[in-house]
Amino acid sequence: MQPKQIRVLIIEDHVDSAQTMQVMLTVMGYHADVAHDGLIGLHMAIALLPDIIICDIGLPELDGYGVAAGLRAHKATSTIPVIAVTAYGEEVRGTILESGFLMHFVKPVDPRVLQGAISVYAAS
């Protein structure tokens, strides 16, 4: 019996970045779904219940802070680990972490670092 494949939801509005991350995570052995705006991402999280979510902050329809708040407010998604991968830097790290993200990475993120974070948090 094979171990359960970790399901990652990527919420990223930049199509090329989202596709690159999706391919990278698939090559690493994860199942990766993509949403290109925050509202769709929140709905997908509720429907799919991924093991972990990677979310940008500057998103159309609902920004990353709104996504994090929506996830925390919904019983089914309230404990899903959420990692911020964004162009926003150190100046907003505190706000990002206070809003419910477990980690904050500035784009571009080293794939090995991201893989390490996924493996730690998705296994929790």
PDB file of N, CA and C in Angstrom:
ATOM      1  N   MET A   1       0.840  -1.182   0.000  1.00  0.00           N
ATOM      2  CA  MET A   1       0.000   0.000   0.000  1.00  0.00           C
ATOM      3  C   MET A   1       0.887   1.247   0.000  1.00  0.00           C
ATOM      4  N   GLN A   2       0.649   2.147  -0.933  1.00  0.00           N
ATOM      5  CA  GLN A   2       1.433   3.370  -1.031  1.00  0.00           C
ATOM      6  C   GLN A   2       0.963   4.386  -0.008  1.00  0.00           C
ATOM      7  N   PRO A   3       1.905   5.205   0.487  1.00  0.00           N
ATOM      8  CA  PRO A   3       1.478   6.265   1.404  1.00  0.00           C
ATOM      9  C   PRO A   3       0.595   7.275   0.670  1.00  0.00           C
ATOM     10  N   LYS A   4      -0.245   7.956   1.436  1.00  0.00           N
ATOM     11  CA  LYS A   4      -1.143   8.967   0.872  1.00  0.00           C
ATOM     12  C   LYS A   4      -0.328  10.078   0.215  1.00  0.00           C
ATOM     13  N   GLN A   5      -0.730  10.445  -0.990  1.00  0.00           N
ATOM     14  CA  GLN A   5      -0.078  11.547  -1.687  1.00  0.00           C
ATOM     15  C   GLN A   5      -0.556  12.858  -1.068  1.00  0.00           C
ATOM     16  N   ILE A   6       0.375  13.722  -0.722  1.00  0.00           N
ATOM     17  CA  ILE A   6       0.035  15.006  -0.123  1.00  0.00           C
ATOM     18  C   ILE A   6      -0.577  15.914  -1.185  1.00  0.00           C
ATOM     19  N   ARG A   7      -1.723  16.491  -0.847  1.00  0.00           N
ATOM     20  CA  ARG A   7      -2.430  17.389  -1.763  1.00  0.00           C
ATOM     21  C   ARG A   7      -2.142  18.837  -1.354  1.00  0.00           C
ATOM     22  N   VAL A   8      -1.638  19.604  -2.315  1.00  0.00           N
ATOM     23  CA  VAL A   8      -1.291  21.009  -2.101  1.00  0.00           C
ATOM     24  C   VAL A   8      -2.208  21.868  -2.968  1.00  0.00           C
ATOM     25  N   LEU A   9      -2.760  22.914  -2.372  1.00  0.00           N
ATOM     26  CA  LEU A   9      -3.517  23.898  -3.132  1.00  0.00           C
ATOM     27  C   LEU A   9      -2.659  25.148  -3.257  1.00  0.00           C
ATOM     28  N   ILE A  10      -2.412  25.560  -4.487  1.00  0.00           N
ATOM     29  CA  ILE A  10      -1.648  26.767  -4.785  1.00  0.00           C
ATOM     30  C   ILE A  10      -2.653  27.857  -5.143  1.00  0.00           C
ATOM     31  N   ILE A  11      -2.618  28.966  -4.409  1.00  0.00           N
ATOM     32  CA  ILE A  11      -3.485  30.099  -4.720  1.00  0.00           C
ATOM     33  C   ILE A  11      -2.559  31.235  -5.165  1.00  0.00           C
ATOM     34  N   GLU A  12      -2.512  31.443  -6.471  1.00  0.00           N
ATOM     35  CA  GLU A  12      -1.546  32.369  -7.082  1.00  0.00           C
ATOM     36  C   GLU A  12      -2.158  32.952  -8.344  1.00  0.00           C
ATOM     37  N   ASP A  13      -2.204  34.290  -8.444  1.00  0.00           N
ATOM     38  CA  ASP A  13      -2.835  34.915  -9.597  1.00  0.00           C
ATOM     39  C   ASP A  13      -1.928  35.023 -10.816  1.00  0.00           C
ATOM     40  N   HIS A  14      -0.644  34.962 -10.637  1.00  0.00           N
ATOM     41  CA  HIS A  14       0.277  35.027 -11.779  1.00  0.00           C
ATOM     42  C   HIS A  14       0.322  33.634 -12.408  1.00  0.00           C
ATOM     43  N   VAL A  15      -0.255  33.496 -13.583  1.00  0.00           N
ATOM     44  CA  VAL A  15      -0.466  32.185 -14.213  1.00  0.00           C
ATOM     45  C   VAL A  15       0.846  31.427 -14.401  1.00  0.00           C
ATOM     46  N   ASP A  16       1.881  32.087 -14.914  1.00  0.00           N
ATOM     47  CA  ASP A  16       3.161  31.397 -15.130  1.00  0.00           C
ATOM     48  C   ASP A  16       3.766  30.911 -13.817  1.00  0.00           C
ATOM     49  N   SER A  17       3.712  31.739 -12.780  1.00  0.00           N
ATOM     50  CA  SER A  17       4.238  31.338 -11.476  1.00  0.00           C
ATOM     51  C   SER A  17       3.467  30.149 -10.911  1.00  0.00           C
ATOM     52  N   ALA A  18       2.146  30.192 -11.049  1.00  0.00           N
ATOM     53  CA  ALA A  18       1.308  29.103 -10.551  1.00  0.00           C
ATOM     54  C   ALA A  18       1.610  27.798 -11.278  1.00  0.00           C
ATOM     55  N   GLN A  19       1.736  27.882 -12.608  1.00  0.00           N
ATOM     56  CA  GLN A  19       2.029  26.671 -13.385  1.00  0.00           C
ATOM     57  C   GLN A  19       3.414  26.124 -13.054  1.00  0.00           C
ATOM     58  N   THR A  20       4.382  27.009 -12.908  1.00  0.00           N
ATOM     59  CA  THR A  20       5.737  26.573 -12.557  1.00  0.00           C
ATOM     60  C   THR A  20       5.739  25.868 -11.205  1.00  0.00           C
ATOM     61  N   MET A  21       5.059  26.452 -10.228  1.00  0.00           N
ATOM     62  CA  MET A  21       5.005  25.836  -8.905  1.00  0.00           C
ATOM     63  C   MET A  21       4.256  24.507  -8.958  1.00  0.00           C
ATOM     64  N   GLN A  22       3.189  24.453  -9.751  1.00  0.00           N
ATOM     65  CA  GLN A  22       2.425  23.213  -9.873  1.00  0.00           C
ATOM     66  C   GLN A  22       3.295  22.096 -10.461  1.00  0.00           C
ATOM     67  N   VAL A  23       4.032  22.395 -11.517  1.00  0.00           N
ATOM     68  CA  VAL A  23       4.915  21.401 -12.128  1.00  0.00           C
ATOM     69  C   VAL A  23       5.993  20.979 -11.139  1.00  0.00           C
ATOM     70  N   MET A  24       6.604  21.955 -10.476  1.00  0.00           N
ATOM     71  CA  MET A  24       7.656  21.667  -9.511  1.00  0.00           C
ATOM     72  C   MET A  24       7.150  20.738  -8.399  1.00  0.00           C
ATOM     73  N   LEU A  25       5.975  21.037  -7.854  1.00  0.00           N
ATOM     74  CA  LEU A  25       5.433  20.212  -6.777  1.00  0.00           C
ATOM     75  C   LEU A  25       5.030  18.831  -7.275  1.00  0.00           C
ATOM     76  N   THR A  26       4.530  18.745  -8.486  1.00  0.00           N
ATOM     77  CA  THR A  26       4.175  17.450  -9.067  1.00  0.00           C
ATOM     78  C   THR A  26       5.417  16.588  -9.236  1.00  0.00           C
ATOM     79  N   VAL A  27       6.493  17.182  -9.720  1.00  0.00           N
ATOM     80  CA  VAL A  27       7.756  16.449  -9.877  1.00  0.00           C
ATOM     81  C   VAL A  27       8.260  15.958  -8.511  1.00  0.00           C
ATOM     82  N   MET A  28       8.003  16.732  -7.460  1.00  0.00           N
ATOM     83  CA  MET A  28       8.413  16.348  -6.110  1.00  0.00           C
ATOM     84  C   MET A  28       7.529  15.248  -5.518  1.00  0.00           C
ATOM     85  N   GLY A  29       6.433  14.917  -6.215  1.00  0.00           N
ATOM     86  CA  GLY A  29       5.582  13.830  -5.755  1.00  0.00           C
ATOM     87  C   GLY A  29       4.282  14.252  -5.094  1.00  0.00           C
ATOM     88  N   TYR A  30       3.983  15.547  -5.113  1.00  0.00           N
ATOM     89  CA  TYR A  30       2.744  16.038  -4.525  1.00  0.00           C
ATOM     90  C   TYR A  30       1.645  16.115  -5.585  1.00  0.00           C
ATOM     91  N   HIS A  31       0.405  16.107  -5.129  1.00  0.00           N
ATOM     92  CA  HIS A  31      -0.722  16.418  -6.011  1.00  0.00           C
ATOM     93  C   HIS A  31      -0.973  17.907  -5.836  1.00  0.00           C
ATOM     94  N   ALA A  32      -0.929  18.684  -6.905  1.00  0.00           N
ATOM     95  CA  ALA A  32      -1.064  20.131  -6.800  1.00  0.00           C
ATOM     96  C   ALA A  32      -2.233  20.650  -7.630  1.00  0.00           C
ATOM     97  N   ASP A  33      -3.123  21.379  -6.958  1.00  0.00           N
ATOM     98  CA  ASP A  33      -4.238  22.065  -7.607  1.00  0.00           C
ATOM     99  C   ASP A  33      -3.937  23.559  -7.583  1.00  0.00           C
ATOM    100  N   VAL A  34      -4.539  24.310  -8.513  1.00  0.00           N
ATOM    101  CA  VAL A  34      -4.267  25.745  -8.628  1.00  0.00           C
ATOM    102  C   VAL A  34      -5.562  26.537  -8.690  1.00  0.00           C
ATOM    103  N   ALA A  35      -5.566  27.663  -7.976  1.00  0.00           N
ATOM    104  CA  ALA A  35      -6.622  28.673  -8.090  1.00  0.00           C
ATOM    105  C   ALA A  35      -5.931  29.994  -8.389  1.00  0.00           C
ATOM    106  N   HIS A  36      -6.540  30.798  -9.283  1.00  0.00           N
ATOM    107  CA  HIS A  36      -5.908  32.050  -9.694  1.00  0.00           C
ATOM    108  C   HIS A  36      -6.492  33.292  -9.021  1.00  0.00           C
ATOM    109  N   ASP A  37      -7.420  33.138  -8.109  1.00  0.00           N
ATOM    110  CA  ASP A  37      -7.831  34.272  -7.283  1.00  0.00           C
ATOM    111  C   ASP A  37      -8.230  33.756  -5.906  1.00  0.00           C
ATOM    112  N   GLY A  38      -8.261  34.666  -4.956  1.00  0.00           N
ATOM    113  CA  GLY A  38      -8.483  34.271  -3.577  1.00  0.00           C
ATOM    114  C   GLY A  38      -9.838  33.659  -3.296  1.00  0.00           C
ATOM    115  N   LEU A  39     -10.876  34.184  -3.899  1.00  0.00           N
ATOM    116  CA  LEU A  39     -12.219  33.671  -3.650  1.00  0.00           C
ATOM    117  C   LEU A  39     -12.370  32.246  -4.184  1.00  0.00           C
ATOM    118  N   ILE A  40     -11.897  32.011  -5.398  1.00  0.00           N
ATOM    119  CA  ILE A  40     -11.931  30.647  -5.951  1.00  0.00           C
ATOM    120  C   ILE A  40     -11.060  29.726  -5.100  1.00  0.00           C
ATOM    121  N   GLY A  41      -9.907  30.218  -4.667  1.00  0.00           N
ATOM    122  CA  GLY A  41      -9.026  29.423  -3.817  1.00  0.00           C
ATOM    123  C   GLY A  41      -9.696  29.013  -2.517  1.00  0.00           C
ATOM    124  N   LEU A  42     -10.403  29.936  -1.907  1.00  0.00           N
ATOM    125  CA  LEU A  42     -11.114  29.618  -0.666  1.00  0.00           C
ATOM    126  C   LEU A  42     -12.174  28.556  -0.913  1.00  0.00           C
ATOM    127  N   HIS A  43     -12.943  28.697  -1.991  1.00  0.00           N
ATOM    128  CA  HIS A  43     -13.964  27.695  -2.323  1.00  0.00           C
ATOM    129  C   HIS A  43     -13.327  26.337  -2.636  1.00  0.00           C
ATOM    130  N   MET A  44     -12.206  26.359  -3.350  1.00  0.00           N
ATOM    131  CA  MET A  44     -11.521  25.096  -3.655  1.00  0.00           C
ATOM    132  C   MET A  44     -11.003  24.437  -2.381  1.00  0.00           C
ATOM    133  N   ALA A  45     -10.484  25.223  -1.457  1.00  0.00           N
ATOM    134  CA  ALA A  45      -9.985  24.662  -0.195  1.00  0.00           C
ATOM    135  C   ALA A  45     -11.107  23.963   0.563  1.00  0.00           C
ATOM    136  N   ILE A  46     -12.268  24.589   0.600  1.00  0.00           N
ATOM    137  CA  ILE A  46     -13.411  23.993   1.302  1.00  0.00           C
ATOM    138  C   ILE A  46     -13.865  22.714   0.602  1.00  0.00           C
ATOM    139  N   ALA A  47     -13.834  22.697  -0.724  1.00  0.00           N
ATOM    140  CA  ALA A  47     -14.280  21.522  -1.483  1.00  0.00           C
ATOM    141  C   ALA A  47     -13.254  20.391  -1.474  1.00  0.00           C
ATOM    142  N   LEU A  48     -11.971  20.736  -1.600  1.00  0.00           N
ATOM    143  CA  LEU A  48     -10.930  19.722  -1.765  1.00  0.00           C
ATOM    144  C   LEU A  48     -10.260  19.291  -0.465  1.00  0.00           C
ATOM    145  N   LEU A  49     -10.299  20.149   0.544  1.00  0.00           N
ATOM    146  CA  LEU A  49      -9.623  19.904   1.818  1.00  0.00           C
ATOM    147  C   LEU A  49      -8.173  19.438   1.612  1.00  0.00           C
ATOM    148  N   PRO A  50      -7.348  20.302   1.027  1.00  0.00           N
ATOM    149  CA  PRO A  50      -5.949  19.922   0.789  1.00  0.00           C
ATOM    150  C   PRO A  50      -5.198  19.744   2.103  1.00  0.00           C
ATOM    151  N   ASP A  51      -4.059  19.092   2.021  1.00  0.00           N
ATOM    152  CA  ASP A  51      -3.228  18.887   3.213  1.00  0.00           C
ATOM    153  C   ASP A  51      -2.502  20.170   3.602  1.00  0.00           C
ATOM    154  N   ILE A  52      -2.223  21.019   2.616  1.00  0.00           N
ATOM    155  CA  ILE A  52      -1.514  22.272   2.849  1.00  0.00           C
ATOM    156  C   ILE A  52      -1.855  23.250   1.733  1.00  0.00           C
ATOM    157  N   ILE A  53      -1.797  24.539   2.041  1.00  0.00           N
ATOM    158  CA  ILE A  53      -2.106  25.576   1.056  1.00  0.00           C
ATOM    159  C   ILE A  53      -0.918  26.523   0.953  1.00  0.00           C
ATOM    160  N   ILE A  54      -0.540  26.835  -0.287  1.00  0.00           N
ATOM    161  CA  ILE A  54       0.471  27.855  -0.565  1.00  0.00           C
ATOM    162  C   ILE A  54      -0.279  29.015  -1.187  1.00  0.00           C
ATOM    163  N   CYS A  55      -0.182  30.191  -0.562  1.00  0.00           N
ATOM    164  CA  CYS A  55      -1.042  31.302  -0.966  1.00  0.00           C
ATOM    165  C   CYS A  55      -0.259  32.594  -1.114  1.00  0.00           C
ATOM    166  N   ASP A  56      -0.493  33.276  -2.208  1.00  0.00           N
ATOM    167  CA  ASP A  56       0.024  34.621  -2.425  1.00  0.00           C
ATOM    168  C   ASP A  56      -0.787  35.576  -1.540  1.00  0.00           C
ATOM    169  N   ILE A  57      -0.281  36.789  -1.347  1.00  0.00           N
ATOM    170  CA  ILE A  57      -1.026  37.787  -0.579  1.00  0.00           C
ATOM    171  C   ILE A  57      -1.786  38.727  -1.511  1.00  0.00           C
ATOM    172  N   GLY A  58      -1.124  39.234  -2.535  1.00  0.00           N
ATOM    173  CA  GLY A  58      -1.766  40.165  -3.462  1.00  0.00           C
ATOM    174  C   GLY A  58      -2.562  39.422  -4.511  1.00  0.00           C
ATOM    175  N   LEU A  59      -3.808  39.129  -4.208  1.00  0.00           N
ATOM    176  CA  LEU A  59      -4.678  38.347  -5.091  1.00  0.00           C
ATOM    177  C   LEU A  59      -5.913  39.150  -5.480  1.00  0.00           C
ATOM    178  N   PRO A  60      -6.474  38.889  -6.662  1.00  0.00           N
ATOM    179  CA  PRO A  60      -7.751  39.514  -7.012  1.00  0.00           C
ATOM    180  C   PRO A  60      -8.905  38.850  -6.258  1.00  0.00           C
ATOM    181  N   GLU A  61     -10.006  39.549  -6.178  1.00  0.00           N
ATOM    182  CA  GLU A  61     -11.263  39.108  -5.569  1.00  0.00           C
ATOM    183  C   GLU A  61     -11.194  39.028  -4.038  1.00  0.00           C
ATOM    184  N   LEU A  62     -10.178  38.381  -3.500  1.00  0.00           N
ATOM    185  CA  LEU A  62     -10.000  38.236  -2.053  1.00  0.00           C
ATOM    186  C   LEU A  62      -8.506  38.076  -1.832  1.00  0.00           C
ATOM    187  N   ASP A  63      -7.897  38.997  -1.081  1.00  0.00           N
ATOM    188  CA  ASP A  63      -6.447  38.903  -0.892  1.00  0.00           C
ATOM    189  C   ASP A  63      -6.093  37.745   0.045  1.00  0.00           C
ATOM    190  N   GLY A  64      -4.809  37.483   0.160  1.00  0.00           N
ATOM    191  CA  GLY A  64      -4.348  36.368   0.980  1.00  0.00           C
ATOM    192  C   GLY A  64      -4.784  36.465   2.429  1.00  0.00           C
ATOM    193  N   TYR A  65      -4.854  37.693   2.969  1.00  0.00           N
ATOM    194  CA  TYR A  65      -5.322  37.862   4.345  1.00  0.00           C
ATOM    195  C   TYR A  65      -6.777  37.416   4.469  1.00  0.00           C
ATOM    196  N   GLY A  66      -7.580  37.755   3.474  1.00  0.00           N
ATOM    197  CA  GLY A  66      -8.984  37.333   3.461  1.00  0.00           C
ATOM    198  C   GLY A  66      -9.124  35.835   3.309  1.00  0.00           C
ATOM    199  N   VAL A  67      -8.245  35.241   2.493  1.00  0.00           N
ATOM    200  CA  VAL A  67      -8.243  33.778   2.342  1.00  0.00           C
ATOM    201  C   VAL A  67      -7.943  33.127   3.687  1.00  0.00           C
ATOM    202  N   ALA A  68      -6.897  33.610   4.366  1.00  0.00           N
ATOM    203  CA  ALA A  68      -6.527  33.035   5.664  1.00  0.00           C
ATOM    204  C   ALA A  68      -7.678  33.170   6.667  1.00  0.00           C
ATOM    205  N   ALA A  69      -8.320  34.326   6.697  1.00  0.00           N
ATOM    206  CA  ALA A  69      -9.442  34.528   7.617  1.00  0.00           C
ATOM    207  C   ALA A  69     -10.601  33.592   7.273  1.00  0.00           C
ATOM    208  N   GLY A  70     -10.897  33.448   5.988  1.00  0.00           N
ATOM    209  CA  GLY A  70     -11.970  32.557   5.558  1.00  0.00           C
ATOM    210  C   GLY A  70     -11.682  31.103   5.904  1.00  0.00           C
ATOM    211  N   LEU A  71     -10.439  30.696   5.747  1.00  0.00           N
ATOM    212  CA  LEU A  71     -10.053  29.328   6.098  1.00  0.00           C
ATOM    213  C   LEU A  71     -10.223  29.075   7.592  1.00  0.00           C
ATOM    214  N   ARG A  72      -9.788  30.026   8.393  1.00  0.00           N
ATOM    215  CA  ARG A  72      -9.863  29.873   9.855  1.00  0.00           C
ATOM    216  C   ARG A  72     -11.312  29.888  10.341  1.00  0.00           C
ATOM    217  N   ALA A  73     -12.183  30.582   9.628  1.00  0.00           N
ATOM    218  CA  ALA A  73     -13.590  30.695  10.035  1.00  0.00           C
ATOM    219  C   ALA A  73     -14.417  29.462   9.681  1.00  0.00           C
ATOM    220  N   HIS A  74     -13.928  28.635   8.783  1.00  0.00           N
ATOM    221  CA  HIS A  74     -14.683  27.468   8.328  1.00  0.00           C
ATOM    222  C   HIS A  74     -14.161  26.229   9.059  1.00  0.00           C
ATOM    223  N   LYS A  75     -15.053  25.506   9.692  1.00  0.00           N
ATOM    224  CA  LYS A  75     -14.652  24.352  10.515  1.00  0.00           C
ATOM    225  C   LYS A  75     -13.803  23.345   9.737  1.00  0.00           C
ATOM    226  N   ALA A  76     -14.170  23.043   8.513  1.00  0.00           N
ATOM    227  CA  ALA A  76     -13.472  22.012   7.738  1.00  0.00           C
ATOM    228  C   ALA A  76     -12.052  22.422   7.338  1.00  0.00           C
ATOM    229  N   THR A  77     -11.788  23.738   7.248  1.00  0.00           N
ATOM    230  CA  THR A  77     -10.476  24.201   6.786  1.00  0.00           C
ATOM    231  C   THR A  77      -9.671  24.915   7.867  1.00  0.00           C
ATOM    232  N   SER A  78     -10.204  25.007   9.051  1.00  0.00           N
ATOM    233  CA  SER A  78      -9.581  25.828  10.095  1.00  0.00           C
ATOM    234  C   SER A  78      -8.202  25.352  10.525  1.00  0.00           C
ATOM    235  N   THR A  79      -7.892  24.095  10.309  1.00  0.00           N
ATOM    236  CA  THR A  79      -6.584  23.586  10.736  1.00  0.00           C
ATOM    237  C   THR A  79      -5.629  23.294   9.581  1.00  0.00           C
ATOM    238  N   ILE A  80      -6.030  23.601   8.359  1.00  0.00           N
ATOM    239  CA  ILE A  80      -5.142  23.367   7.218  1.00  0.00           C
ATOM    240  C   ILE A  80      -3.974  24.345   7.305  1.00  0.00           C
ATOM    241  N   PRO A  81      -2.734  23.850   7.248  1.00  0.00           N
ATOM    242  CA  PRO A  81      -1.579  24.744   7.274  1.00  0.00           C
ATOM    243  C   PRO A  81      -1.526  25.600   6.005  1.00  0.00           C
ATOM    244  N   VAL A  82      -1.203  26.900   6.195  1.00  0.00           N
ATOM    245  CA  VAL A  82      -1.142  27.833   5.075  1.00  0.00           C
ATOM    246  C   VAL A  82       0.212  28.535   5.096  1.00  0.00           C
ATOM    247  N   ILE A  83       0.888  28.493   3.951  1.00  0.00           N
ATOM    248  CA  ILE A  83       2.188  29.138   3.790  1.00  0.00           C
ATOM    249  C   ILE A  83       2.044  30.269   2.788  1.00  0.00           C
ATOM    250  N   ALA A  84       2.561  31.440   3.136  1.00  0.00           N
ATOM    251  CA  ALA A  84       2.542  32.577   2.215  1.00  0.00           C
ATOM    252  C   ALA A  84       3.793  32.539   1.343  1.00  0.00           C
ATOM    253  N   VAL A  85       3.591  32.621   0.037  1.00  0.00           N
ATOM    254  CA  VAL A  85       4.682  32.796  -0.930  1.00  0.00           C
ATOM    255  C   VAL A  85       4.282  34.013  -1.738  1.00  0.00           C
ATOM    256  N   THR A  86       4.994  35.114  -1.520  1.00  0.00           N
ATOM    257  CA  THR A  86       4.564  36.397  -2.046  1.00  0.00           C
ATOM    258  C   THR A  86       5.740  37.302  -2.365  1.00  0.00           C
ATOM    259  N   ALA A  87       5.496  38.318  -3.140  1.00  0.00           N
ATOM    260  CA  ALA A  87       6.527  39.319  -3.426  1.00  0.00           C
ATOM    261  C   ALA A  87       6.664  40.293  -2.258  1.00  0.00           C
ATOM    262  N   TYR A  88       5.691  40.313  -1.360  1.00  0.00           N
ATOM    263  CA  TYR A  88       5.759  41.199  -0.201  1.00  0.00           C
ATOM    264  C   TYR A  88       6.879  40.720   0.715  1.00  0.00           C
ATOM    265  N   GLY A  89       7.691  41.659   1.176  1.00  0.00           N
ATOM    266  CA  GLY A  89       8.893  41.317   1.926  1.00  0.00           C
ATOM    267  C   GLY A  89       8.752  41.402   3.435  1.00  0.00           C
ATOM    268  N   GLU A  90       9.905  41.586   4.048  1.00  0.00           N
ATOM    269  CA  GLU A  90      10.017  41.599   5.507  1.00  0.00           C
ATOM    270  C   GLU A  90       9.081  42.603   6.178  1.00  0.00           C
ATOM    271  N   GLU A  91       8.777  43.704   5.490  1.00  0.00           N
ATOM    272  CA  GLU A  91       7.957  44.747   6.105  1.00  0.00           C
ATOM    273  C   GLU A  91       6.558  44.274   6.468  1.00  0.00           C
ATOM    274  N   VAL A  92       6.092  43.178   5.880  1.00  0.00           N
ATOM    275  CA  VAL A  92       4.745  42.668   6.190  1.00  0.00           C
ATOM    276  C   VAL A  92       4.772  41.279   6.834  1.00  0.00           C
ATOM    277  N   ARG A  93       5.953  40.765   7.131  1.00  0.00           N
ATOM    278  CA  ARG A  93       6.061  39.413   7.712  1.00  0.00           C
ATOM    279  C   ARG A  93       5.200  39.281   8.964  1.00  0.00           C
ATOM    280  N   GLY A  94       5.269  40.246   9.874  1.00  0.00           N
ATOM    281  CA  GLY A  94       4.487  40.168  11.108  1.00  0.00           C
ATOM    282  C   GLY A  94       2.998  40.103  10.831  1.00  0.00           C
ATOM    283  N   THR A  95       2.518  40.935   9.926  1.00  0.00           N
ATOM    284  CA  THR A  95       1.096  40.942   9.570  1.00  0.00           C
ATOM    285  C   THR A  95       0.694  39.614   8.949  1.00  0.00           C
ATOM    286  N   ILE A  96       1.542  39.082   8.098  1.00  0.00           N
ATOM    287  CA  ILE A  96       1.253  37.796   7.450  1.00  0.00           C
ATOM    288  C   ILE A  96       1.130  36.690   8.495  1.00  0.00           C
ATOM    289  N   LEU A  97       2.099  36.610   9.397  1.00  0.00           N
ATOM    290  CA  LEU A  97       2.074  35.549  10.408  1.00  0.00           C
ATOM    291  C   LEU A  97       0.920  35.735  11.392  1.00  0.00           C
ATOM    292  N   GLU A  98       0.616  36.981  11.753  1.00  0.00           N
ATOM    293  CA  GLU A  98      -0.504  37.245  12.671  1.00  0.00           C
ATOM    294  C   GLU A  98      -1.852  36.904  12.038  1.00  0.00           C
ATOM    295  N   SER A  99      -1.924  36.922  10.707  1.00  0.00           N
ATOM    296  CA  SER A  99      -3.208  36.658  10.047  1.00  0.00           C
ATOM    297  C   SER A  99      -3.483  35.171   9.851  1.00  0.00           C
ATOM    298  N   GLY A 100      -2.575  34.312  10.288  1.00  0.00           N
ATOM    299  CA  GLY A 100      -2.849  32.877  10.246  1.00  0.00           C
ATOM    300  C   GLY A 100      -1.932  32.052   9.370  1.00  0.00           C
ATOM    301  N   PHE A 101      -0.984  32.685   8.693  1.00  0.00           N
ATOM    302  CA  PHE A 101      -0.011  31.925   7.903  1.00  0.00           C
ATOM    303  C   PHE A 101       1.055  31.364   8.837  1.00  0.00           C
ATOM    304  N   LEU A 102       1.501  30.144   8.566  1.00  0.00           N
ATOM    305  CA  LEU A 102       2.534  29.529   9.397  1.00  0.00           C
ATOM    306  C   LEU A 102       3.929  30.003   9.035  1.00  0.00           C
ATOM    307  N   MET A 103       4.120  30.287   7.751  1.00  0.00           N
ATOM    308  CA  MET A 103       5.421  30.726   7.272  1.00  0.00           C
ATOM    309  C   MET A 103       5.221  31.754   6.174  1.00  0.00           C
ATOM    310  N   HIS A 104       6.288  32.519   5.918  1.00  0.00           N
ATOM    311  CA  HIS A 104       6.269  33.540   4.875  1.00  0.00           C
ATOM    312  C   HIS A 104       7.558  33.427   4.078  1.00  0.00           C
ATOM    313  N   PHE A 105       7.423  33.184   2.782  1.00  0.00           N
ATOM    314  CA  PHE A 105       8.567  33.147   1.883  1.00  0.00           C
ATOM    315  C   PHE A 105       8.393  34.243   0.843  1.00  0.00           C
ATOM    316  N   VAL A 106       9.501  34.918   0.531  1.00  0.00           N
ATOM    317  CA  VAL A 106       9.493  35.945  -0.499  1.00  0.00           C
ATOM    318  C   VAL A 106       9.879  35.288  -1.820  1.00  0.00           C
ATOM    319  N   LYS A 107       9.105  35.613  -2.875  1.00  0.00           N
ATOM    320  CA  LYS A 107       9.384  35.080  -4.216  1.00  0.00           C
ATOM    321  C   LYS A 107      10.711  35.625  -4.718  1.00  0.00           C
ATOM    322  N   PRO A 108      11.482  34.860  -5.430  1.00  0.00           N
ATOM    323  CA  PRO A 108      11.296  33.431  -5.705  1.00  0.00           C
ATOM    324  C   PRO A 108      11.786  32.606  -4.517  1.00  0.00           C
ATOM    325  N   VAL A 109      11.060  31.564  -4.204  1.00  0.00           N
ATOM    326  CA  VAL A 109      11.422  30.699  -3.077  1.00  0.00           C
ATOM    327  C   VAL A 109      12.231  29.514  -3.591  1.00  0.00           C
ATOM    328  N   ASP A 110      13.233  29.137  -2.838  1.00  0.00           N
ATOM    329  CA  ASP A 110      14.053  27.970  -3.161  1.00  0.00           C
ATOM    330  C   ASP A 110      13.163  26.724  -3.071  1.00  0.00           C
ATOM    331  N   PRO A 111      13.063  25.941  -4.132  1.00  0.00           N
ATOM    332  CA  PRO A 111      12.190  24.754  -4.111  1.00  0.00           C
ATOM    333  C   PRO A 111      12.492  23.797  -2.960  1.00  0.00           C
ATOM    334  N   ARG A 112      13.761  23.649  -2.586  1.00  0.00           N
ATOM    335  CA  ARG A 112      14.111  22.732  -1.483  1.00  0.00           C
ATOM    336  C   ARG A 112      13.575  23.249  -0.152  1.00  0.00           C
ATOM    337  N   VAL A 113      13.602  24.563   0.022  1.00  0.00           N
ATOM    338  CA  VAL A 113      13.078  25.157   1.253  1.00  0.00           C
ATOM    339  C   VAL A 113      11.565  24.961   1.313  1.00  0.00           C
ATOM    340  N   LEU A 114      10.903  25.192   0.205  1.00  0.00           N
ATOM    341  CA  LEU A 114       9.453  25.005   0.149  1.00  0.00           C
ATOM    342  C   LEU A 114       9.086  23.546   0.387  1.00  0.00           C
ATOM    343  N   GLN A 115       9.819  22.635  -0.214  1.00  0.00           N
ATOM    344  CA  GLN A 115       9.571  21.208  -0.014  1.00  0.00           C
ATOM    345  C   GLN A 115       9.745  20.831   1.456  1.00  0.00           C
ATOM    346  N   GLY A 116      10.756  21.379   2.094  1.00  0.00           N
ATOM    347  CA  GLY A 116      10.968  21.109   3.514  1.00  0.00           C
ATOM    348  C   GLY A 116       9.794  21.591   4.368  1.00  0.00           C
ATOM    349  N   ALA A 117       9.305  22.790   4.069  1.00  0.00           N
ATOM    350  CA  ALA A 117       8.165  23.325   4.814  1.00  0.00           C
ATOM    351  C   ALA A 117       6.909  22.486   4.589  1.00  0.00           C
ATOM    352  N   ILE A 118       6.689  22.083   3.356  1.00  0.00           N
ATOM    353  CA  ILE A 118       5.520  21.243   3.065  1.00  0.00           C
ATOM    354  C   ILE A 118       5.617  19.929   3.814  1.00  0.00           C
ATOM    355  N   SER A 119       6.765  19.305   3.792  1.00  0.00           N
ATOM    356  CA  SER A 119       6.913  18.005   4.440  1.00  0.00           C
ATOM    357  C   SER A 119       6.712  18.119   5.954  1.00  0.00           C
ATOM    358  N   VAL A 120       7.152  19.212   6.554  1.00  0.00           N
ATOM    359  CA  VAL A 120       6.974  19.394   8.002  1.00  0.00           C
ATOM    360  C   VAL A 120       5.508  19.652   8.329  1.00  0.00           C
ATOM    361  N   TYR A 121       4.887  20.617   7.659  1.00  0.00           N
ATOM    362  CA  TYR A 121       3.535  21.019   8.024  1.00  0.00           C
ATOM    363  C   TYR A 121       2.450  20.076   7.539  1.00  0.00           C
ATOM    364  N   ALA A 122       2.630  19.465   6.386  1.00  0.00           N
ATOM    365  CA  ALA A 122       1.615  18.545   5.876  1.00  0.00           C
ATOM    366  C   ALA A 122       1.576  17.261   6.701  1.00  0.00           C
ATOM    367  N   ALA A 123       2.678  16.931   7.346  1.00  0.00           N
ATOM    368  CA  ALA A 123       2.730  15.718   8.170  1.00  0.00           C
ATOM    369  C   ALA A 123       2.188  15.955   9.566  1.00  0.00           C
ATOM    370  N   SER A 124       1.999  17.222   9.960  1.00  0.00           N
ATOM    371  CA  SER A 124       1.545  17.537  11.320  1.00  0.00           C
ATOM    372  C   SER A 124       0.126  17.122  11.555  1.00  0.00           C
TER     373      SER A 124
END
